[in-house]
Protein backbone atom coordinates (compact mmCIF):
# COMPACT_ATOMS: atom_id res chain seq x y z
CA MET A 1 0.00 0.00 0.00
CA ILE A 2 1.32 3.42 -0.93
CA ARG A 3 1.79 5.63 2.11
CA ALA A 4 3.75 8.54 0.63
CA ILE A 5 3.98 10.44 -2.65
CA LEU A 6 7.12 12.37 -3.45
CA PHE A 7 7.14 14.99 -6.20
CA ASP A 8 10.01 16.20 -8.30
CA LEU A 9 10.12 20.01 -8.27
CA ASP A 10 11.49 21.63 -11.44
CA GLU A 11 9.18 21.06 -14.42
CA THR A 12 6.82 19.06 -12.19
CA LEU A 13 5.45 21.51 -9.62
CA PHE A 14 7.59 24.51 -10.56
CA ASP A 15 7.60 26.01 -14.07
CA HIS A 16 11.37 26.20 -14.47
CA ARG A 17 11.29 26.50 -18.26
CA THR A 18 9.15 29.64 -18.25
CA ALA A 19 11.24 31.29 -15.53
CA VAL A 20 14.44 30.51 -17.44
CA ALA A 21 13.01 31.95 -20.65
CA ALA A 22 12.10 35.22 -18.95
CA ALA A 23 15.44 35.53 -17.15
CA VAL A 24 17.72 34.57 -20.05
CA THR A 25 15.90 36.79 -22.52
CA SER A 26 16.03 39.78 -20.18
CA TRP A 27 19.68 39.20 -19.19
CA THR A 28 20.83 38.83 -22.79
CA ALA A 29 18.89 41.88 -23.98
CA ALA A 30 20.40 43.96 -21.17
CA HIS A 31 23.92 43.04 -22.35
CA SER A 32 23.25 43.06 -26.09
CA PRO A 33 20.03 44.74 -27.22
CA CYS A 34 18.61 43.27 -30.43
CA HIS A 35 21.01 40.32 -30.34
CA PRO A 36 20.23 38.21 -33.45
CA LEU A 37 20.14 35.00 -31.38
CA LEU A 38 18.03 36.41 -28.57
CA ALA A 39 15.14 34.03 -29.21
CA GLU A 40 17.47 31.04 -29.07
CA GLY A 41 18.82 31.93 -25.64
CA PRO A 42 16.34 30.00 -23.45
CA ALA A 43 16.76 26.70 -25.30
CA LEU A 44 20.54 27.12 -25.27
CA TRP A 45 20.50 27.78 -21.53
CA LEU A 46 18.53 24.61 -20.86
CA ARG A 47 20.95 22.58 -22.98
CA LEU A 48 23.85 24.02 -21.00
CA GLU A 49 22.12 23.03 -17.76
CA ASP A 50 22.08 19.45 -19.01
CA LYS A 51 25.74 19.77 -19.95
CA HIS A 52 27.13 21.31 -16.76
CA LEU A 53 24.90 20.13 -13.90
CA PRO A 54 26.27 16.56 -14.04
CA ALA A 55 29.73 17.83 -13.11
CA TRP A 56 28.28 19.04 -9.79
CA HIS A 57 26.26 15.84 -9.38
CA HIS A 58 29.42 13.76 -9.83
CA GLY A 59 31.42 15.83 -7.37
CA GLU A 60 33.70 17.27 -10.04
CA CYS A 61 32.96 20.89 -9.15
CA SER A 62 30.95 22.99 -6.72
CA PHE A 63 27.39 24.21 -7.27
CA GLY A 64 28.75 27.72 -7.85
CA GLU A 65 31.39 26.54 -10.31
CA GLN A 66 28.87 24.78 -12.55
CA ARG A 67 26.99 28.07 -12.69
CA ARG A 68 30.15 29.90 -13.80
CA ARG A 69 30.86 27.28 -16.45
CA ARG A 70 27.30 27.51 -17.72
CA LEU A 71 27.36 31.30 -18.03
CA ARG A 72 30.81 31.30 -19.63
CA ASP A 73 29.66 28.72 -22.17
CA TYR A 74 26.48 30.69 -22.86
CA CYS A 75 28.46 33.84 -23.64
CA HIS A 76 30.83 31.92 -25.92
CA HIS A 77 27.92 30.43 -27.88
CA LEU A 78 26.28 33.84 -28.41
CA GLY A 79 29.51 35.73 -29.01
CA LEU A 80 29.03 37.89 -25.91
CA PRO A 81 31.95 39.16 -23.84
CA VAL A 82 32.53 36.89 -20.85
CA PRO A 83 31.94 38.94 -17.68
CA ALA A 84 35.00 39.54 -15.56
CA ASP A 85 32.99 38.64 -12.46
CA LEU A 86 30.94 35.60 -13.39
CA ASP A 87 29.35 35.34 -9.94
CA GLU A 88 28.07 38.92 -10.09
CA ALA A 89 26.80 38.40 -13.63
CA TYR A 90 25.06 35.18 -12.65
CA GLY A 91 23.47 37.07 -9.78
CA GLN A 92 21.88 39.40 -12.33
CA PHE A 93 20.40 36.38 -14.08
CA LEU A 94 19.28 34.89 -10.78
CA THR A 95 17.40 38.06 -9.80
CA ARG A 96 15.47 37.88 -13.06
CA TYR A 97 14.90 34.15 -12.66
CA GLU A 98 13.49 34.53 -9.15
CA ALA A 99 11.16 37.31 -10.28
CA ALA A 100 9.58 34.88 -12.75
CA TRP A 101 9.02 31.97 -10.34
CA GLN A 102 5.60 30.37 -10.65
CA ALA A 103 3.95 27.03 -10.12
CA PHE A 104 2.26 25.08 -12.86
CA PRO A 105 -1.47 25.81 -12.54
CA ASP A 106 -2.28 22.15 -11.93
CA ALA A 107 -0.07 21.98 -8.83
CA TYR A 108 -2.60 23.57 -6.49
CA PRO A 109 -5.70 21.53 -7.39
CA ALA A 110 -3.59 18.37 -7.27
CA MET A 111 -2.44 19.19 -3.73
CA ASP A 112 -6.03 19.97 -2.76
CA ALA A 113 -7.17 16.59 -4.08
CA LEU A 114 -4.44 14.73 -2.21
CA THR A 115 -4.93 16.51 1.10
CA GLY A 116 -6.87 14.42 3.59
CA THR A 117 -6.10 11.08 1.96
CA GLY A 118 -3.67 10.13 4.73
CA LEU A 119 -0.72 10.10 2.36
CA THR A 120 2.55 11.82 3.24
CA LEU A 121 3.31 14.38 0.54
CA GLY A 122 6.89 15.50 -0.01
CA VAL A 123 9.50 16.53 -2.56
CA LEU A 124 12.49 14.65 -3.96
CA THR A 125 14.68 16.98 -6.01
CA ASN A 126 18.21 17.03 -7.35
CA GLY A 127 18.37 20.76 -6.65
CA GLN A 128 20.21 22.73 -4.02
CA PRO A 129 18.14 22.80 -0.81
CA VAL A 130 18.17 26.54 -0.06
CA GLN A 131 16.96 27.46 -3.54
CA GLN A 132 14.44 24.64 -3.80
CA GLU A 133 12.86 25.44 -0.44
CA ALA A 134 12.75 29.11 -1.43
CA LYS A 135 10.83 28.17 -4.57
CA LEU A 136 8.31 26.15 -2.59
CA ARG A 137 7.92 28.96 -0.07
CA ARG A 138 7.29 31.51 -2.82
CA LEU A 139 4.75 29.22 -4.45
CA GLY A 140 2.92 28.68 -1.17
CA LEU A 141 3.60 24.94 -1.21
CA LEU A 142 6.31 24.54 1.41
CA ASP A 143 3.85 23.97 4.26
CA ARG A 144 2.01 21.35 2.20
CA LEU A 145 5.03 19.26 1.25
CA ASP A 146 7.13 17.76 4.02
CA PRO A 147 9.82 16.54 3.82
CA VAL A 148 11.82 18.26 1.08
CA LEU A 149 14.53 15.73 0.25
CA THR A 150 17.68 16.78 -1.61
CA PRO A 151 21.12 15.27 -2.29
CA ASP A 152 22.42 17.24 0.71
CA SER A 153 20.30 15.14 3.05
CA LEU A 154 20.34 11.90 1.06
CA GLY A 155 23.98 11.76 0.01
CA HIS A 156 23.13 10.87 -3.58
CA PHE A 157 21.48 12.34 -6.69
CA LYS A 158 18.74 10.79 -8.77
CA PRO A 159 19.05 8.29 -10.49
CA SER A 160 21.41 6.66 -8.00
CA PRO A 161 19.61 3.72 -6.37
CA ARG A 162 20.85 4.98 -3.01
CA CYS A 163 18.97 8.24 -3.53
CA TYR A 164 15.60 6.47 -3.73
CA LEU A 165 16.41 3.97 -0.98
CA ASN A 166 17.58 6.74 1.36
CA ALA A 167 14.49 8.80 0.55
CA ALA A 168 12.22 5.93 1.56
CA ALA A 169 14.27 5.40 4.71
CA LYS A 170 13.90 9.09 5.62
CA LEU A 171 10.14 8.57 5.45
CA GLY A 172 10.40 5.45 7.61
CA LEU A 173 8.93 3.41 4.76
CA ALA A 174 9.93 0.60 2.44
CA PRO A 175 10.46 1.61 -1.23
CA HIS A 176 7.27 -0.17 -2.33
CA GLN A 177 5.28 2.10 -0.01
CA VAL A 178 6.46 5.24 -1.83
CA ALA A 179 5.55 6.71 -5.24
CA LEU A 180 7.59 9.35 -7.06
CA VAL A 181 5.96 11.68 -9.58
CA GLY A 182 8.10 13.67 -11.99
CA ASP A 183 8.74 14.89 -15.50
CA ASN A 184 12.00 13.05 -16.15
CA LEU A 185 11.36 9.51 -17.38
CA ASP A 186 14.73 8.17 -16.26
CA LEU A 187 15.08 10.01 -12.95
CA ASP A 188 11.47 9.97 -11.78
CA ALA A 189 9.96 6.78 -13.23
CA LEU A 190 12.50 4.21 -14.39
CA GLY A 191 15.08 4.99 -11.71
CA PRO A 192 12.82 4.49 -8.70
CA ALA A 193 11.24 1.39 -10.26
CA ARG A 194 14.64 -0.30 -10.25
CA VAL A 195 14.64 -0.32 -6.43
CA GLY A 196 10.97 -1.19 -5.99
CA MET A 197 9.67 2.37 -5.61
CA HIS A 198 6.72 3.32 -7.82
CA GLY A 199 7.52 5.85 -10.52
CA ILE A 200 4.83 7.91 -12.24
CA TRP A 201 5.91 9.84 -15.32
CA LEU A 202 4.47 13.33 -15.79
CA ASP A 203 4.70 13.77 -19.56
CA ARG A 204 3.41 17.34 -19.86
CA TYR A 205 4.41 17.77 -23.48
CA GLY A 206 3.40 14.40 -24.88
CA THR A 207 6.95 13.57 -25.89
CA SER A 208 6.43 9.84 -26.45
CA PRO A 209 4.32 6.89 -25.30
CA PRO A 210 5.40 5.62 -21.89
CA PRO A 211 7.38 2.39 -21.77
CA PRO A 212 5.31 -0.70 -20.96
CA GLY A 213 4.40 -0.86 -17.30
CA VAL A 214 5.19 2.79 -16.55
CA PRO A 215 2.15 4.73 -15.27
CA ALA A 216 1.99 8.13 -16.97
CA ILE A 217 -0.08 11.29 -16.69
CA ARG A 218 -0.22 14.50 -18.73
CA THR A 219 -1.20 16.79 -15.86
CA LEU A 220 -0.99 16.60 -12.08
CA THR A 221 -4.76 16.81 -11.86
CA ASP A 222 -4.82 13.37 -13.50
CA LEU A 223 -2.93 11.88 -10.56
CA PRO A 224 -5.84 11.10 -8.19
CA ALA A 225 -7.74 9.28 -10.95
CA LEU A 226 -4.63 7.28 -11.87
CA LEU A 227 -4.11 6.30 -8.24
CA ALA A 228 -7.73 5.23 -7.97
CA GLU A 229 -7.50 3.23 -11.19
CA LEU A 230 -4.35 1.45 -10.11
CA GLY A 231 -5.86 0.79 -6.71
CA GLU A 232 -8.94 -0.79 -8.27
CA GLN A 233 -6.69 -3.00 -10.37
CA GLY A 234 -5.01 -4.10 -7.17
CA ASP A 235 -1.62 -3.24 -8.63
CA TRP A 236 -0.02 -1.26 -5.84
CA LEU A 237 -2.43 1.10 -4.13
CA THR A 238 -5.35 0.73 -1.79
CA ALA A 239 -6.76 4.14 -0.95
CA ALA A 240 -10.50 4.39 -0.33
CA GLY A 241 -10.28 8.16 -0.34
CA PHE A 242 -9.31 8.19 -4.00
CA ALA A 243 -11.96 5.67 -5.03
CA THR A 244 -14.64 7.64 -3.17
CA ALA A 245 -13.55 10.92 -4.73
CA ARG A 246 -13.47 9.43 -8.19
CA HIS A 247 -16.87 7.81 -8.07
CA GLY A 248 -18.60 10.63 -6.23
């Protein structure tokens, strides 16, 4: 029986892509008005996140250093002068990024639907704890999601098996009593499944059909119905609250 649901944060509850687009566009325009590649900046920034974040995850550099590498690489790609003080320049981006923080609209009704079911609701994120908790606080979700589990407290990043096992242990539960919901197929669905935790893939953009046996939803508001359906099938959830809510 599932006793806890953990949510990924960025691109699951928090609209990271939109905040990045606003921040990168504004930062680039401030340094080079009418830059011919201005519209390409957000997608480039996201690609550079995928390139440089793993170095921090693998212990090859600090959190701050991967930020410097990312910004330096961004400037090289766009032909912008590399700032002499990369930390100060990144701070300018960060101010713009924080100003654009917002939750996905489906986050709030999903939390409302899950409240009162007896399930523990928390977060499992690969992000840095201070920033991730600040996002949840700004979005008004921090009090509704406890605990907020990060590599700082778990000792490992997703998709390390130890990350999921330690997360379940922090909850005082076995892996099969925990479900993880997130937008990354490998990190949030396939990874936890390898250790017996239940992964639910949030495929917001309809990228591809889910692999066989992987529960998938397109919006967080679909989650209660999926849980009820799986519970009725006897697969891995028994939660009368969901069945009652679904059938009225």
